[in-house]
Amino acid sequence: MLCAARQHQTENFGVDEVVTDETCDAIWEKCNKVIAETRMSPAKLINRSNVAVICTTDDPADTLEYHKKIAENDPVYA
């Protein structure tokens, strides 16, 4: 799993460094800079990563209001 996570951080954020106590702050800053500059959203990242399935655990009585807003404004194609 670590290899997949590292590949993900390299492809999406241009980060080649291994995450350690010494590198984590710089990696955090670099990733946030990429997110800001590219206006990356969670939905865009999910779509770009070819995610096949997303599961959530909502209360059966939940209105799913926020799911509907995301679907309208920034759809995920999983």
C-alpha atoms as a PDB file:
ATOM      1  CA  MET A   1       0.000   0.000   0.000  1.00  0.00           C
ATOM      2  CA  LEU A   2       2.845   2.375   0.707  1.00  0.00           C
ATOM      3  CA  CYS A   3       3.986   2.143  -2.904  1.00  0.00           C
ATOM      4  CA  ALA A   4       0.515   3.099  -4.162  1.00  0.00           C
ATOM      5  CA  ALA A   5       0.342   6.023  -1.739  1.00  0.00           C
ATOM      6  CA  ARG A   6       3.766   7.246  -2.806  1.00  0.00           C
ATOM      7  CA  GLN A   7       2.859   6.923  -6.483  1.00  0.00           C
ATOM      8  CA  HIS A   8      -0.315   8.909  -5.779  1.00  0.00           C
ATOM      9  CA  GLN A   9       1.585  11.733  -4.065  1.00  0.00           C
ATOM     10  CA  THR A  10       4.121  11.852  -6.895  1.00  0.00           C
ATOM     11  CA  GLU A  11       1.551  11.869  -9.707  1.00  0.00           C
ATOM     12  CA  ASN A  12      -0.851  14.341  -8.110  1.00  0.00           C
ATOM     13  CA  PHE A  13       1.434  16.622  -6.143  1.00  0.00           C
ATOM     14  CA  GLY A  14       4.935  16.190  -7.598  1.00  0.00           C
ATOM     15  CA  VAL A  15       6.280  14.986  -4.245  1.00  0.00           C
ATOM     16  CA  ASP A  16       9.093  12.426  -4.523  1.00  0.00           C
ATOM     17  CA  GLU A  17      10.229  12.515  -0.905  1.00  0.00           C
ATOM     18  CA  VAL A  18       9.353   9.830   1.607  1.00  0.00           C
ATOM     19  CA  VAL A  19       7.108  11.208   4.356  1.00  0.00           C
ATOM     20  CA  THR A  20       9.045  11.324   7.617  1.00  0.00           C
ATOM     21  CA  ASP A  21       9.053  13.503  10.720  1.00  0.00           C
ATOM     22  CA  GLU A  22      11.684  15.645   9.017  1.00  0.00           C
ATOM     23  CA  THR A  23       9.955  16.015   5.633  1.00  0.00           C
ATOM     24  CA  CYS A  24       6.264  16.100   6.561  1.00  0.00           C
ATOM     25  CA  ASP A  25       5.948  19.885   6.997  1.00  0.00           C
ATOM     26  CA  ALA A  26       7.581  20.643   3.640  1.00  0.00           C
ATOM     27  CA  ILE A  27       5.471  17.989   1.905  1.00  0.00           C
ATOM     28  CA  TRP A  28       2.310  19.385   3.522  1.00  0.00           C
ATOM     29  CA  GLU A  29       3.161  22.884   2.275  1.00  0.00           C
ATOM     30  CA  LYS A  30       3.983  21.672  -1.237  1.00  0.00           C
ATOM     31  CA  CYS A  31       0.736  19.676  -1.512  1.00  0.00           C
ATOM     32  CA  ASN A  32      -1.325  22.630  -0.295  1.00  0.00           C
ATOM     33  CA  LYS A  33       0.397  24.888  -2.815  1.00  0.00           C
ATOM     34  CA  VAL A  34      -0.488  22.486  -5.641  1.00  0.00           C
ATOM     35  CA  ILE A  35      -4.092  22.290  -4.398  1.00  0.00           C
ATOM     36  CA  ALA A  36      -4.371  26.088  -4.341  1.00  0.00           C
ATOM     37  CA  GLU A  37      -2.668  26.659  -7.700  1.00  0.00           C
ATOM     38  CA  THR A  38      -4.642  24.002  -9.560  1.00  0.00           C
ATOM     39  CA  ARG A  39      -7.916  24.517  -7.671  1.00  0.00           C
ATOM     40  CA  MET A  40      -7.920  20.794  -6.974  1.00  0.00           C
ATOM     41  CA  SER A  41     -11.038  19.562  -5.201  1.00  0.00           C
ATOM     42  CA  PRO A  42     -11.683  16.183  -3.613  1.00  0.00           C
ATOM     43  CA  ALA A  43     -13.984  15.319  -6.535  1.00  0.00           C
ATOM     44  CA  LYS A  44     -11.332  16.245  -9.103  1.00  0.00           C
ATOM     45  CA  LEU A  45      -8.751  14.159  -7.263  1.00  0.00           C
ATOM     46  CA  ILE A  46     -11.128  11.189  -7.068  1.00  0.00           C
ATOM     47  CA  ASN A  47     -11.970  11.444 -10.783  1.00  0.00           C
ATOM     48  CA  ARG A  48      -8.321  11.784 -11.719  1.00  0.00           C
ATOM     49  CA  SER A  49      -7.428   8.718  -9.643  1.00  0.00           C
ATOM     50  CA  ASN A  50      -9.895   6.442 -11.455  1.00  0.00           C
ATOM     51  CA  VAL A  51     -11.705   5.476  -8.257  1.00  0.00           C
ATOM     52  CA  ALA A  52     -14.232   2.726  -8.995  1.00  0.00           C
ATOM     53  CA  VAL A  53     -16.346   2.733  -5.825  1.00  0.00           C
ATOM     54  CA  ILE A  54     -17.021   5.142  -2.969  1.00  0.00           C
ATOM     55  CA  CYS A  55     -18.943   3.997   0.094  1.00  0.00           C
ATOM     56  CA  THR A  56     -20.255   6.137   2.924  1.00  0.00           C
ATOM     57  CA  THR A  57     -21.918   5.361   6.216  1.00  0.00           C
ATOM     58  CA  ASP A  58     -24.729   7.827   6.613  1.00  0.00           C
ATOM     59  CA  ASP A  59     -27.605   7.582   9.039  1.00  0.00           C
ATOM     60  CA  PRO A  60     -30.598   5.940   7.304  1.00  0.00           C
ATOM     61  CA  ALA A  61     -32.649   9.028   8.212  1.00  0.00           C
ATOM     62  CA  ASP A  62     -30.060  11.421   6.723  1.00  0.00           C
ATOM     63  CA  THR A  63     -31.374  13.748   4.015  1.00  0.00           C
ATOM     64  CA  LEU A  64     -28.119  13.371   2.040  1.00  0.00           C
ATOM     65  CA  GLU A  65     -28.274  17.122   1.463  1.00  0.00           C
ATOM     66  CA  TYR A  66     -24.501  17.468   1.136  1.00  0.00           C
ATOM     67  CA  HIS A  67     -24.233  14.486  -1.195  1.00  0.00           C
ATOM     68  CA  LYS A  68     -26.742  16.205  -3.480  1.00  0.00           C
ATOM     69  CA  LYS A  69     -24.839  19.513  -3.387  1.00  0.00           C
ATOM     70  CA  ILE A  70     -21.592  17.779  -4.322  1.00  0.00           C
ATOM     71  CA  ALA A  71     -23.321  15.919  -7.158  1.00  0.00           C
ATOM     72  CA  GLU A  72     -24.673  19.203  -8.520  1.00  0.00           C
ATOM     73  CA  ASN A  73     -21.544  21.334  -8.156  1.00  0.00           C
ATOM     74  CA  ASP A  74     -18.523  19.033  -8.370  1.00  0.00           C
ATOM     75  CA  PRO A  75     -19.652  15.576  -9.516  1.00  0.00           C
ATOM     76  CA  VAL A  76     -17.661  12.430  -8.873  1.00  0.00           C
ATOM     77  CA  TYR A  77     -17.616   9.816 -11.607  1.00  0.00           C
ATOM     78  CA  ALA A  78     -16.790   6.607  -9.772  1.00  0.00           C
END
